[in-house]
């Protein structure tokens, strides 16, 4: 699972061919070894949990970049490398 985005100590990752466990397009977020999975279309937490401040930052970033994330999702499920997306701190 490549790290494709990083901001404020949050790593955002996308698995290649990752359509089995979570049926919706999603990203994996990691902060200090804790992992949560977020739906791209609505920012809903599919698994895991983060402190409220980090959670809000991730949800906001997903909302801002939803179109780009959906395009990257299409690449990742085909085994292709996703394009970089800017973080909130850039």
N, C-alpha and C. Protein backbone atom coordinates (compact mmCIF):
# COMPACT_ATOMS: atom_id res chain seq x y z
N UNK A 1 0.87 -1.17 0.00
CA UNK A 1 0.00 0.00 0.00
C UNK A 1 0.90 1.22 0.00
N UNK A 2 0.96 1.95 -1.08
CA UNK A 2 1.83 3.13 -1.13
C UNK A 2 1.23 4.32 -0.37
N UNK A 3 2.12 5.08 0.27
CA UNK A 3 1.71 6.35 0.86
C UNK A 3 1.60 7.32 -0.29
N UNK A 4 0.43 7.87 -0.50
CA UNK A 4 0.25 8.76 -1.64
C UNK A 4 0.08 10.22 -1.25
N UNK A 5 -0.24 10.48 0.03
CA UNK A 5 -0.41 11.84 0.50
C UNK A 5 0.06 11.92 1.94
N UNK A 6 0.62 13.06 2.33
CA UNK A 6 1.09 13.23 3.70
C UNK A 6 0.86 14.70 4.08
N UNK A 7 0.23 14.92 5.22
CA UNK A 7 0.05 16.29 5.72
C UNK A 7 -0.16 16.25 7.23
N UNK A 8 0.43 17.21 7.92
CA UNK A 8 0.31 17.33 9.38
C UNK A 8 0.51 16.01 10.11
N UNK A 9 1.47 15.21 9.66
CA UNK A 9 1.75 13.94 10.30
C UNK A 9 0.77 12.83 9.97
N UNK A 10 -0.17 13.10 9.07
CA UNK A 10 -1.16 12.10 8.65
C UNK A 10 -0.70 11.50 7.33
N UNK A 11 -0.65 10.19 7.26
CA UNK A 11 -0.33 9.50 6.02
C UNK A 11 -1.64 9.00 5.41
N UNK A 12 -1.82 9.24 4.13
CA UNK A 12 -3.00 8.75 3.43
C UNK A 12 -2.52 7.73 2.42
N UNK A 13 -3.12 6.56 2.47
CA UNK A 13 -2.70 5.47 1.59
C UNK A 13 -3.89 4.87 0.85
N UNK A 14 -3.58 4.23 -0.26
CA UNK A 14 -4.58 3.53 -1.06
C UNK A 14 -3.97 2.19 -1.48
N UNK A 15 -4.66 1.10 -1.21
CA UNK A 15 -4.20 -0.21 -1.69
C UNK A 15 -4.49 -0.34 -3.17
N UNK A 16 -3.66 -1.12 -3.87
CA UNK A 16 -3.98 -1.50 -5.25
C UNK A 16 -4.99 -2.65 -5.19
N UNK A 17 -5.93 -2.67 -6.11
CA UNK A 17 -6.94 -3.74 -6.23
C UNK A 17 -7.75 -3.93 -4.94
N UNK A 18 -8.01 -2.86 -4.19
CA UNK A 18 -8.63 -2.95 -2.85
C UNK A 18 -10.15 -2.75 -2.92
N UNK A 19 -10.84 -3.77 -3.39
CA UNK A 19 -12.30 -3.65 -3.53
C UNK A 19 -13.07 -4.72 -2.76
N UNK A 20 -12.40 -5.60 -2.05
CA UNK A 20 -13.09 -6.72 -1.40
C UNK A 20 -13.68 -6.39 -0.03
N UNK A 21 -12.87 -5.90 0.90
CA UNK A 21 -13.34 -5.71 2.28
C UNK A 21 -14.31 -4.54 2.40
N UNK A 22 -13.90 -3.37 1.93
CA UNK A 22 -14.76 -2.19 1.95
C UNK A 22 -15.21 -1.96 0.52
N UNK A 23 -16.47 -2.12 0.26
CA UNK A 23 -16.98 -2.09 -1.12
C UNK A 23 -16.96 -0.70 -1.72
N UNK A 24 -16.89 0.33 -0.90
CA UNK A 24 -16.92 1.70 -1.39
C UNK A 24 -15.49 2.21 -1.63
N UNK A 25 -15.30 3.17 -2.53
CA UNK A 25 -13.98 3.79 -2.67
C UNK A 25 -13.55 4.40 -1.34
N UNK A 26 -12.29 4.17 -0.97
CA UNK A 26 -11.84 4.60 0.34
C UNK A 26 -10.33 4.83 0.39
N UNK A 27 -9.90 5.47 1.46
CA UNK A 27 -8.48 5.66 1.74
C UNK A 27 -8.19 5.15 3.14
N UNK A 28 -6.94 4.79 3.36
CA UNK A 28 -6.47 4.37 4.67
C UNK A 28 -5.64 5.52 5.22
N UNK A 29 -5.96 5.98 6.41
CA UNK A 29 -5.22 7.07 7.05
C UNK A 29 -4.47 6.51 8.24
N UNK A 30 -3.25 7.01 8.45
CA UNK A 30 -2.44 6.56 9.58
C UNK A 30 -1.84 7.75 10.30
N UNK A 31 -1.95 7.73 11.62
CA UNK A 31 -1.36 8.74 12.49
C UNK A 31 -0.70 8.00 13.65
N UNK A 32 0.61 8.12 13.76
CA UNK A 32 1.35 7.51 14.87
C UNK A 32 0.98 6.05 15.09
N UNK A 33 0.92 5.29 14.02
CA UNK A 33 0.65 3.85 14.11
C UNK A 33 -0.82 3.47 14.22
N UNK A 34 -1.71 4.45 14.39
CA UNK A 34 -3.15 4.17 14.42
C UNK A 34 -3.69 4.30 13.01
N UNK A 35 -4.58 3.40 12.62
CA UNK A 35 -5.11 3.39 11.26
C UNK A 35 -6.63 3.49 11.29
N UNK A 36 -7.16 4.27 10.35
CA UNK A 36 -8.60 4.36 10.14
C UNK A 36 -8.85 4.35 8.64
N UNK A 37 -10.00 3.86 8.25
CA UNK A 37 -10.38 3.79 6.84
C UNK A 37 -11.56 4.73 6.62
N UNK A 38 -11.43 5.60 5.59
CA UNK A 38 -12.45 6.61 5.31
C UNK A 38 -13.03 6.43 3.91
N UNK A 39 -14.33 6.50 3.81
CA UNK A 39 -15.02 6.49 2.53
C UNK A 39 -14.71 7.79 1.78
N UNK A 40 -14.41 7.68 0.50
CA UNK A 40 -14.14 8.89 -0.29
C UNK A 40 -15.43 9.67 -0.57
N UNK A 41 -16.52 9.02 -0.97
CA UNK A 41 -17.70 9.81 -1.32
C UNK A 41 -18.28 10.66 -0.19
N UNK A 42 -18.16 10.20 1.07
CA UNK A 42 -18.81 10.96 2.14
C UNK A 42 -17.95 11.18 3.38
N UNK A 43 -16.71 10.70 3.40
CA UNK A 43 -15.83 10.90 4.55
C UNK A 43 -16.20 10.06 5.76
N UNK A 44 -17.12 9.13 5.59
CA UNK A 44 -17.54 8.27 6.70
C UNK A 44 -16.40 7.34 7.11
N UNK A 45 -16.27 7.11 8.41
CA UNK A 45 -15.26 6.18 8.92
C UNK A 45 -15.79 4.76 8.74
N UNK A 46 -15.04 3.95 8.02
CA UNK A 46 -15.43 2.57 7.78
C UNK A 46 -14.80 1.63 8.80
N UNK A 47 -13.66 2.03 9.35
CA UNK A 47 -12.96 1.22 10.36
C UNK A 47 -11.97 2.12 11.10
N UNK A 48 -11.73 1.83 12.36
CA UNK A 48 -10.76 2.58 13.14
C UNK A 48 -11.32 3.87 13.71
N UNK A 49 -10.42 4.64 14.36
CA UNK A 49 -10.85 5.89 14.99
C UNK A 49 -9.62 6.75 15.26
N UNK A 50 -9.78 8.06 15.11
CA UNK A 50 -8.73 9.03 15.40
C UNK A 50 -9.24 10.07 16.38
N UNK A 51 -8.31 10.80 17.03
CA UNK A 51 -8.75 11.95 17.84
C UNK A 51 -9.54 12.92 16.96
N UNK A 52 -10.49 13.63 17.55
CA UNK A 52 -11.41 14.49 16.82
C UNK A 52 -10.73 15.49 15.88
N UNK A 53 -9.65 16.13 16.32
CA UNK A 53 -8.97 17.13 15.49
C UNK A 53 -8.42 16.51 14.21
N UNK A 54 -7.73 15.38 14.31
CA UNK A 54 -7.18 14.70 13.13
C UNK A 54 -8.31 14.19 12.25
N UNK A 55 -9.36 13.66 12.87
CA UNK A 55 -10.51 13.16 12.11
C UNK A 55 -11.11 14.28 11.26
N UNK A 56 -11.32 15.45 11.85
CA UNK A 56 -11.90 16.57 11.12
C UNK A 56 -11.01 17.01 9.97
N UNK A 57 -9.69 16.99 10.18
CA UNK A 57 -8.77 17.36 9.11
C UNK A 57 -8.85 16.39 7.94
N UNK A 58 -8.93 15.11 8.24
CA UNK A 58 -9.02 14.10 7.19
C UNK A 58 -10.32 14.24 6.41
N UNK A 59 -11.42 14.40 7.11
CA UNK A 59 -12.73 14.54 6.45
C UNK A 59 -12.75 15.80 5.57
N UNK A 60 -12.18 16.90 6.06
CA UNK A 60 -12.13 18.13 5.27
C UNK A 60 -11.27 17.94 4.04
N UNK A 61 -10.13 17.28 4.20
CA UNK A 61 -9.24 17.05 3.05
C UNK A 61 -9.91 16.17 2.01
N UNK A 62 -10.62 15.14 2.45
CA UNK A 62 -11.34 14.27 1.52
C UNK A 62 -12.40 15.06 0.77
N UNK A 63 -13.16 15.91 1.46
CA UNK A 63 -14.20 16.71 0.81
C UNK A 63 -13.61 17.65 -0.24
N UNK A 64 -12.50 18.28 0.09
CA UNK A 64 -11.85 19.21 -0.84
C UNK A 64 -11.33 18.49 -2.08
N UNK A 65 -10.83 17.28 -1.90
CA UNK A 65 -10.17 16.56 -3.00
C UNK A 65 -10.96 15.35 -3.49
N UNK A 66 -12.25 15.34 -3.28
CA UNK A 66 -13.06 14.17 -3.63
C UNK A 66 -12.90 13.75 -5.10
N UNK A 67 -12.96 14.70 -6.02
CA UNK A 67 -12.85 14.35 -7.44
C UNK A 67 -11.49 13.73 -7.76
N UNK A 68 -10.43 14.32 -7.21
CA UNK A 68 -9.08 13.79 -7.43
C UNK A 68 -8.92 12.41 -6.81
N UNK A 69 -9.49 12.24 -5.62
CA UNK A 69 -9.41 10.94 -4.95
C UNK A 69 -10.17 9.86 -5.71
N UNK A 70 -11.31 10.21 -6.26
CA UNK A 70 -12.07 9.24 -7.05
C UNK A 70 -11.30 8.85 -8.31
N UNK A 71 -10.63 9.81 -8.93
CA UNK A 71 -9.80 9.49 -10.10
C UNK A 71 -8.65 8.57 -9.70
N UNK A 72 -8.01 8.86 -8.56
CA UNK A 72 -6.94 8.01 -8.06
C UNK A 72 -7.45 6.62 -7.70
N UNK A 73 -8.66 6.56 -7.15
CA UNK A 73 -9.25 5.26 -6.82
C UNK A 73 -9.36 4.40 -8.07
N UNK A 74 -9.83 4.99 -9.15
CA UNK A 74 -9.97 4.24 -10.40
C UNK A 74 -8.62 3.70 -10.87
N UNK A 75 -7.56 4.48 -10.70
CA UNK A 75 -6.22 4.01 -11.06
C UNK A 75 -5.79 2.87 -10.13
N UNK A 76 -5.95 3.06 -8.83
CA UNK A 76 -5.47 2.09 -7.85
C UNK A 76 -6.16 0.73 -8.00
N UNK A 77 -7.46 0.72 -8.25
CA UNK A 77 -8.16 -0.57 -8.38
C UNK A 77 -7.76 -1.30 -9.66
N UNK A 78 -7.12 -0.59 -10.57
CA UNK A 78 -6.59 -1.21 -11.79
C UNK A 78 -5.11 -1.55 -11.64
N UNK A 79 -4.55 -1.30 -10.45
CA UNK A 79 -3.15 -1.60 -10.20
C UNK A 79 -2.20 -0.53 -10.70
N UNK A 80 -2.73 0.66 -11.01
CA UNK A 80 -1.91 1.76 -11.51
C UNK A 80 -1.62 2.75 -10.39
N UNK A 81 -0.47 3.42 -10.49
CA UNK A 81 -0.05 4.35 -9.45
C UNK A 81 -0.94 5.60 -9.44
N UNK A 82 -1.47 5.97 -8.27
CA UNK A 82 -2.29 7.19 -8.16
C UNK A 82 -1.44 8.45 -8.34
N UNK A 83 -2.07 9.53 -8.76
CA UNK A 83 -1.40 10.81 -8.91
C UNK A 83 -1.30 11.50 -7.55
N UNK A 84 -0.25 12.31 -7.34
CA UNK A 84 -0.13 13.04 -6.06
C UNK A 84 -1.24 14.07 -5.89
N UNK A 85 -1.66 14.29 -4.65
CA UNK A 85 -2.65 15.30 -4.31
C UNK A 85 -2.08 16.12 -3.17
N UNK A 86 -2.29 17.41 -3.22
CA UNK A 86 -1.76 18.30 -2.19
C UNK A 86 -2.46 18.08 -0.86
N UNK A 87 -1.70 18.26 0.21
CA UNK A 87 -2.24 18.18 1.55
C UNK A 87 -2.76 19.53 1.99
N UNK A 88 -3.27 19.62 3.20
CA UNK A 88 -3.80 20.86 3.74
C UNK A 88 -2.70 21.84 4.12
N UNK A 89 -1.47 21.35 4.29
CA UNK A 89 -0.38 22.21 4.74
C UNK A 89 0.48 22.71 3.59
N UNK A 90 0.07 22.53 2.35
CA UNK A 90 0.84 22.99 1.20
C UNK A 90 0.25 24.24 0.60
